[in-house]
């Protein structure tokens, strides 16, 4: 049962960290082509954000899992 718990903790933390990281470093495009959304980011850097989100979530899920097992 421990394996399933750590996976669920990791997925929840991963999504939370991803949504916190998405607006970081986003710049709006000044030259908007016809048909494009003017609020769309110029370079969202999704691969970089997903990579760092995975690393941060890995360590946070380990910490949360250890704390959960110590408290309960």
PDB file of N, CA and C in Angstrom:
ATOM      1  N   UNK A   1       0.810  -1.196   0.000  1.00  0.00           N
ATOM      2  CA  UNK A   1       0.000   0.000   0.000  1.00  0.00           C
ATOM      3  C   UNK A   1       0.853   1.259   0.000  1.00  0.00           C
ATOM      4  N   UNK A   2       2.084   1.158   0.471  1.00  0.00           N
ATOM      5  CA  UNK A   2       2.962   2.323   0.521  1.00  0.00           C
ATOM      6  C   UNK A   2       3.268   2.852  -0.877  1.00  0.00           C
ATOM      7  N   UNK A   3       3.411   1.964  -1.870  1.00  0.00           N
ATOM      8  CA  UNK A   3       3.741   2.396  -3.228  1.00  0.00           C
ATOM      9  C   UNK A   3       2.654   3.232  -3.849  1.00  0.00           C
ATOM     10  N   UNK A   4       1.393   2.853  -3.625  1.00  0.00           N
ATOM     11  CA  UNK A   4       0.276   3.604  -4.187  1.00  0.00           C
ATOM     12  C   UNK A   4       0.153   4.972  -3.518  1.00  0.00           C
ATOM     13  N   UNK A   5       0.397   5.044  -2.234  1.00  0.00           N
ATOM     14  CA  UNK A   5       0.314   6.316  -1.525  1.00  0.00           C
ATOM     15  C   UNK A   5       1.343   7.315  -2.035  1.00  0.00           C
ATOM     16  N   UNK A   6       2.559   6.874  -2.235  1.00  0.00           N
ATOM     17  CA  UNK A   6       3.619   7.784  -2.694  1.00  0.00           C
ATOM     18  C   UNK A   6       3.339   8.262  -4.124  1.00  0.00           C
ATOM     19  N   UNK A   7       2.727   7.414  -4.943  1.00  0.00           N
ATOM     20  CA  UNK A   7       2.382   7.818  -6.308  1.00  0.00           C
ATOM     21  C   UNK A   7       1.301   8.888  -6.285  1.00  0.00           C
ATOM     22  N   UNK A   8       0.293   8.698  -5.448  1.00  0.00           N
ATOM     23  CA  UNK A   8      -0.787   9.685  -5.343  1.00  0.00           C
ATOM     24  C   UNK A   8      -0.248  11.007  -4.796  1.00  0.00           C
ATOM     25  N   UNK A   9       0.590  10.935  -3.782  1.00  0.00           N
ATOM     26  CA  UNK A   9       1.196  12.151  -3.213  1.00  0.00           C
ATOM     27  C   UNK A   9       2.024  12.864  -4.276  1.00  0.00           C
ATOM     28  N   UNK A  10       2.818  12.106  -5.054  1.00  0.00           N
ATOM     29  CA  UNK A  10       3.653  12.699  -6.091  1.00  0.00           C
ATOM     30  C   UNK A  10       2.806  13.395  -7.156  1.00  0.00           C
ATOM     31  N   UNK A  11       1.739  12.752  -7.608  1.00  0.00           N
ATOM     32  CA  UNK A  11       0.909  13.329  -8.674  1.00  0.00           C
ATOM     33  C   UNK A  11       0.237  14.615  -8.206  1.00  0.00           C
ATOM     34  N   UNK A  12      -0.286  14.612  -6.991  1.00  0.00           N
ATOM     35  CA  UNK A  12      -0.942  15.816  -6.475  1.00  0.00           C
ATOM     36  C   UNK A  12       0.063  16.957  -6.335  1.00  0.00           C
ATOM     37  N   UNK A  13       1.221  16.667  -5.768  1.00  0.00           N
ATOM     38  CA  UNK A  13       2.246  17.709  -5.611  1.00  0.00           C
ATOM     39  C   UNK A  13       2.752  18.168  -6.973  1.00  0.00           C
ATOM     40  N   UNK A  14       2.893  17.244  -7.938  1.00  0.00           N
ATOM     41  CA  UNK A  14       3.381  17.597  -9.277  1.00  0.00           C
ATOM     42  C   UNK A  14       2.458  18.623  -9.931  1.00  0.00           C
ATOM     43  N   UNK A  15       1.149  18.380  -9.868  1.00  0.00           N
ATOM     44  CA  UNK A  15       0.204  19.315 -10.479  1.00  0.00           C
ATOM     45  C   UNK A  15       0.217  20.662  -9.766  1.00  0.00           C
ATOM     46  N   UNK A  16       0.299  20.644  -8.447  1.00  0.00           N
ATOM     47  CA  UNK A  16       0.351  21.903  -7.705  1.00  0.00           C
ATOM     48  C   UNK A  16       1.592  22.719  -8.071  1.00  0.00           C
ATOM     49  N   UNK A  17       2.735  22.055  -8.125  1.00  0.00           N
ATOM     50  CA  UNK A  17       3.982  22.755  -8.462  1.00  0.00           C
ATOM     51  C   UNK A  17       3.950  23.232  -9.909  1.00  0.00           C
ATOM     52  N   UNK A  18       3.383  22.438 -10.811  1.00  0.00           N
ATOM     53  CA  UNK A  18       3.302  22.857 -12.214  1.00  0.00           C
ATOM     54  C   UNK A  18       2.465  24.120 -12.353  1.00  0.00           C
ATOM     55  N   UNK A  19       1.304  24.157 -11.701  1.00  0.00           N
ATOM     56  CA  UNK A  19       0.456  25.345 -11.813  1.00  0.00           C
ATOM     57  C   UNK A  19       1.091  26.557 -11.147  1.00  0.00           C
ATOM     58  N   UNK A  20       1.934  26.342 -10.159  1.00  0.00           N
ATOM     59  CA  UNK A  20       2.665  27.456  -9.569  1.00  0.00           C
ATOM     60  C   UNK A  20       3.797  27.930 -10.481  1.00  0.00           C
ATOM     61  N   UNK A  21       4.383  27.023 -11.262  1.00  0.00           N
ATOM     62  CA  UNK A  21       5.521  27.365 -12.113  1.00  0.00           C
ATOM     63  C   UNK A  21       5.109  27.930 -13.472  1.00  0.00           C
ATOM     64  N   UNK A  22       3.899  27.676 -13.921  1.00  0.00           N
ATOM     65  CA  UNK A  22       3.494  28.112 -15.257  1.00  0.00           C
ATOM     66  C   UNK A  22       3.618  29.619 -15.495  1.00  0.00           C
ATOM     67  N   UNK A  23       3.223  30.482 -14.592  1.00  0.00           N
ATOM     68  CA  UNK A  23       3.330  31.916 -14.893  1.00  0.00           C
ATOM     69  C   UNK A  23       4.733  32.503 -14.727  1.00  0.00           C
ATOM     70  N   UNK A  24       5.689  31.736 -14.257  1.00  0.00           N
ATOM     71  CA  UNK A  24       7.035  32.266 -14.022  1.00  0.00           C
ATOM     72  C   UNK A  24       7.752  32.485 -15.350  1.00  0.00           C
ATOM     73  N   UNK A  25       8.240  33.683 -15.564  1.00  0.00           N
ATOM     74  CA  UNK A  25       9.042  34.002 -16.743  1.00  0.00           C
ATOM     75  C   UNK A  25       8.270  34.137 -18.038  1.00  0.00           C
ATOM     76  N   UNK A  26       6.963  34.260 -17.982  1.00  0.00           N
ATOM     77  CA  UNK A  26       6.159  34.363 -19.195  1.00  0.00           C
ATOM     78  C   UNK A  26       6.160  35.807 -19.684  1.00  0.00           C
ATOM     79  N   UNK A  27       6.438  35.960 -20.982  1.00  0.00           N
ATOM     80  CA  UNK A  27       6.402  37.282 -21.602  1.00  0.00           C
ATOM     81  C   UNK A  27       5.384  37.262 -22.730  1.00  0.00           C
ATOM     82  N   UNK A  28       4.676  38.343 -22.857  1.00  0.00           N
ATOM     83  CA  UNK A  28       3.652  38.435 -23.888  1.00  0.00           C
ATOM     84  C   UNK A  28       4.286  38.883 -25.204  1.00  0.00           C
ATOM     85  N   UNK A  29       3.764  38.378 -26.310  1.00  0.00           N
ATOM     86  CA  UNK A  29       4.285  38.716 -27.634  1.00  0.00           C
ATOM     87  C   UNK A  29       3.744  40.070 -28.069  1.00  0.00           C
ATOM     88  N   UNK A  30       4.637  40.972 -28.460  1.00  0.00           N
ATOM     89  CA  UNK A  30       4.221  42.311 -28.886  1.00  0.00           C
ATOM     90  C   UNK A  30       3.741  42.342 -30.330  1.00  0.00           C
ATOM     91  N   UNK A  31       4.269  41.461 -31.177  1.00  0.00           N
ATOM     92  CA  UNK A  31       3.873  41.409 -32.582  1.00  0.00           C
ATOM     93  C   UNK A  31       2.897  40.252 -32.771  1.00  0.00           C
ATOM     94  N   UNK A  32       1.632  40.535 -32.575  1.00  0.00           N
ATOM     95  CA  UNK A  32       0.607  39.492 -32.651  1.00  0.00           C
ATOM     96  C   UNK A  32       0.120  39.374 -34.083  1.00  0.00           C
ATOM     97  N   UNK A  33       0.199  38.153 -34.634  1.00  0.00           N
ATOM     98  CA  UNK A  33      -0.303  37.905 -35.981  1.00  0.00           C
ATOM     99  C   UNK A  33      -1.826  37.798 -35.934  1.00  0.00           C
ATOM    100  N   UNK A  34      -2.451  38.032 -37.057  1.00  0.00           N
ATOM    101  CA  UNK A  34      -3.905  37.973 -37.126  1.00  0.00           C
ATOM    102  C   UNK A  34      -4.370  36.540 -36.830  1.00  0.00           C
ATOM    103  N   UNK A  35      -5.326  36.425 -35.932  1.00  0.00           N
ATOM    104  CA  UNK A  35      -5.867  35.122 -35.577  1.00  0.00           C
ATOM    105  C   UNK A  35      -5.252  34.532 -34.322  1.00  0.00           C
ATOM    106  N   UNK A  36      -4.149  35.117 -33.844  1.00  0.00           N
ATOM    107  CA  UNK A  36      -3.522  34.622 -32.616  1.00  0.00           C
ATOM    108  C   UNK A  36      -4.063  35.383 -31.411  1.00  0.00           C
ATOM    109  N   UNK A  37      -4.042  34.732 -30.270  1.00  0.00           N
ATOM    110  CA  UNK A  37      -4.498  35.359 -29.031  1.00  0.00           C
ATOM    111  C   UNK A  37      -3.440  36.348 -28.552  1.00  0.00           C
ATOM    112  N   UNK A  38      -3.804  37.595 -28.288  1.00  0.00           N
ATOM    113  CA  UNK A  38      -2.812  38.577 -27.828  1.00  0.00           C
ATOM    114  C   UNK A  38      -2.271  38.274 -26.431  1.00  0.00           C
ATOM    115  N   UNK A  39      -2.950  37.447 -25.661  1.00  0.00           N
ATOM    116  CA  UNK A  39      -2.477  37.104 -24.330  1.00  0.00           C
ATOM    117  C   UNK A  39      -1.621  35.851 -24.290  1.00  0.00           C
ATOM    118  N   UNK A  40      -1.408  35.229 -25.445  1.00  0.00           N
ATOM    119  CA  UNK A  40      -0.613  34.005 -25.490  1.00  0.00           C
ATOM    120  C   UNK A  40       0.863  34.321 -25.234  1.00  0.00           C
ATOM    121  N   UNK A  41       1.554  33.479 -24.472  1.00  0.00           N
ATOM    122  CA  UNK A  41       2.964  33.751 -24.182  1.00  0.00           C
ATOM    123  C   UNK A  41       3.851  33.573 -25.404  1.00  0.00           C
ATOM    124  N   UNK A  42       4.932  34.361 -25.426  1.00  0.00           N
ATOM    125  CA  UNK A  42       5.882  34.288 -26.529  1.00  0.00           C
ATOM    126  C   UNK A  42       6.654  32.964 -26.488  1.00  0.00           C
ATOM    127  N   UNK A  43       7.183  32.630 -25.324  1.00  0.00           N
ATOM    128  CA  UNK A  43       7.932  31.388 -25.148  1.00  0.00           C
ATOM    129  C   UNK A  43       7.577  30.816 -23.773  1.00  0.00           C
ATOM    130  N   UNK A  44       6.652  29.852 -23.711  1.00  0.00           N
ATOM    131  CA  UNK A  44       6.201  29.362 -22.406  1.00  0.00           C
ATOM    132  C   UNK A  44       7.207  28.479 -21.675  1.00  0.00           C
ATOM    133  N   UNK A  45       8.243  27.995 -22.341  1.00  0.00           N
ATOM    134  CA  UNK A  45       9.299  27.168 -21.727  1.00  0.00           C
ATOM    135  C   UNK A  45       8.723  25.944 -21.008  1.00  0.00           C
ATOM    136  N   UNK A  46       7.811  25.229 -21.656  1.00  0.00           N
ATOM    137  CA  UNK A  46       7.116  24.125 -21.006  1.00  0.00           C
ATOM    138  C   UNK A  46       8.030  22.956 -20.663  1.00  0.00           C
ATOM    139  N   UNK A  47       8.958  22.607 -21.546  1.00  0.00           N
ATOM    140  CA  UNK A  47       9.857  21.474 -21.258  1.00  0.00           C
ATOM    141  C   UNK A  47      10.696  21.747 -20.012  1.00  0.00           C
ATOM    142  N   UNK A  48      11.206  22.954 -19.913  1.00  0.00           N
ATOM    143  CA  UNK A  48      12.024  23.343 -18.761  1.00  0.00           C
ATOM    144  C   UNK A  48      11.189  23.330 -17.485  1.00  0.00           C
ATOM    145  N   UNK A  49       9.976  23.854 -17.554  1.00  0.00           N
ATOM    146  CA  UNK A  49       9.111  23.901 -16.384  1.00  0.00           C
ATOM    147  C   UNK A  49       8.676  22.503 -15.951  1.00  0.00           C
ATOM    148  N   UNK A  50       8.394  21.629 -16.899  1.00  0.00           N
ATOM    149  CA  UNK A  50       8.013  20.253 -16.559  1.00  0.00           C
ATOM    150  C   UNK A  50       9.186  19.518 -15.933  1.00  0.00           C
ATOM    151  N   UNK A  51      10.385  19.745 -16.439  1.00  0.00           N
ATOM    152  CA  UNK A  51      11.575  19.100 -15.877  1.00  0.00           C
ATOM    153  C   UNK A  51      11.793  19.526 -14.426  1.00  0.00           C
ATOM    154  N   UNK A  52      11.782  20.833 -14.176  1.00  0.00           N
ATOM    155  CA  UNK A  52      11.993  21.324 -12.820  1.00  0.00           C
ATOM    156  C   UNK A  52      10.831  20.963 -11.889  1.00  0.00           C
ATOM    157  N   UNK A  53       9.624  20.927 -12.433  1.00  0.00           N
ATOM    158  CA  UNK A  53       8.462  20.513 -11.650  1.00  0.00           C
ATOM    159  C   UNK A  53       8.610  19.074 -11.180  1.00  0.00           C
ATOM    160  N   UNK A  54       9.102  18.206 -12.048  1.00  0.00           N
ATOM    161  CA  UNK A  54       9.286  16.802 -11.690  1.00  0.00           C
ATOM    162  C   UNK A  54      10.343  16.651 -10.598  1.00  0.00           C
ATOM    163  N   UNK A  55      11.440  17.365 -10.723  1.00  0.00           N
ATOM    164  CA  UNK A  55      12.504  17.268  -9.714  1.00  0.00           C
ATOM    165  C   UNK A  55      12.025  17.807  -8.368  1.00  0.00           C
ATOM    166  N   UNK A  56      11.405  18.969  -8.367  1.00  0.00           N
ATOM    167  CA  UNK A  56      10.920  19.560  -7.121  1.00  0.00           C
ATOM    168  C   UNK A  56       9.850  18.679  -6.488  1.00  0.00           C
ATOM    169  N   UNK A  57       8.942  18.156  -7.303  1.00  0.00           N
ATOM    170  CA  UNK A  57       7.873  17.307  -6.788  1.00  0.00           C
ATOM    171  C   UNK A  57       8.407  16.001  -6.221  1.00  0.00           C
ATOM    172  N   UNK A  58       9.455  15.478  -6.802  1.00  0.00           N
ATOM    173  CA  UNK A  58      10.057  14.246  -6.292  1.00  0.00           C
ATOM    174  C   UNK A  58      10.540  14.441  -4.856  1.00  0.00           C
ATOM    175  N   UNK A  59      11.297  15.505  -4.636  1.00  0.00           N
ATOM    176  CA  UNK A  59      11.824  15.752  -3.299  1.00  0.00           C
ATOM    177  C   UNK A  59      10.721  16.138  -2.311  1.00  0.00           C
ATOM    178  N   UNK A  60       9.757  16.947  -2.752  1.00  0.00           N
ATOM    179  CA  UNK A  60       8.658  17.315  -1.871  1.00  0.00           C
ATOM    180  C   UNK A  60       7.798  16.115  -1.497  1.00  0.00           C
ATOM    181  N   UNK A  61       7.579  15.200  -2.447  1.00  0.00           N
ATOM    182  CA  UNK A  61       6.762  14.023  -2.136  1.00  0.00           C
ATOM    183  C   UNK A  61       7.485  13.097  -1.168  1.00  0.00           C
ATOM    184  N   UNK A  62       8.792  13.013  -1.258  1.00  0.00           N
ATOM    185  CA  UNK A  62       9.551  12.217  -0.287  1.00  0.00           C
ATOM    186  C   UNK A  62       9.430  12.841   1.102  1.00  0.00           C
ATOM    187  N   UNK A  63       9.569  14.158   1.184  1.00  0.00           N
ATOM    188  CA  UNK A  63       9.463  14.844   2.472  1.00  0.00           C
ATOM    189  C   UNK A  63       8.066  14.673   3.064  1.00  0.00           C
ATOM    190  N   UNK A  64       7.030  14.847   2.254  1.00  0.00           N
ATOM    191  CA  UNK A  64       5.657  14.694   2.732  1.00  0.00           C
ATOM    192  C   UNK A  64       5.402  13.260   3.167  1.00  0.00           C
ATOM    193  N   UNK A  65       5.896  12.306   2.420  1.00  0.00           N
ATOM    194  CA  UNK A  65       5.712  10.897   2.780  1.00  0.00           C
ATOM    195  C   UNK A  65       6.395  10.558   4.101  1.00  0.00           C
ATOM    196  N   UNK A  66       7.593  11.054   4.303  1.00  0.00           N
ATOM    197  CA  UNK A  66       8.311  10.811   5.566  1.00  0.00           C
ATOM    198  C   UNK A  66       7.568  11.466   6.723  1.00  0.00           C
ATOM    199  N   UNK A  67       7.125  12.705   6.532  1.00  0.00           N
ATOM    200  CA  UNK A  67       6.389  13.395   7.592  1.00  0.00           C
ATOM    201  C   UNK A  67       5.065  12.683   7.897  1.00  0.00           C
ATOM    202  N   UNK A  68       4.393  12.207   6.854  1.00  0.00           N
ATOM    203  CA  UNK A  68       3.125  11.504   7.037  1.00  0.00           C
ATOM    204  C   UNK A  68       3.342  10.225   7.845  1.00  0.00           C
ATOM    205  N   UNK A  69       4.404   9.504   7.549  1.00  0.00           N
ATOM    206  CA  UNK A  69       4.673   8.250   8.267  1.00  0.00           C
ATOM    207  C   UNK A  69       5.144   8.503   9.698  1.00  0.00           C
ATOM    208  N   UNK A  70       5.805   9.614   9.946  1.00  0.00           N
ATOM    209  CA  UNK A  70       6.250   9.937  11.301  1.00  0.00           C
ATOM    210  C   UNK A  70       5.089  10.399  12.176  1.00  0.00           C
ATOM    211  N   UNK A  71       4.167  11.170  11.593  1.00  0.00           N
ATOM    212  CA  UNK A  71       3.052  11.719  12.369  1.00  0.00           C
ATOM    213  C   UNK A  71       1.977  10.665  12.604  1.00  0.00           C
ATOM    214  N   UNK A  72       1.622   9.937  11.574  1.00  0.00           N
ATOM    215  CA  UNK A  72       0.549   8.947  11.680  1.00  0.00           C
ATOM    216  C   UNK A  72       1.156   7.593  11.831  1.00  0.00           C
TER     217      UNK A  72
END
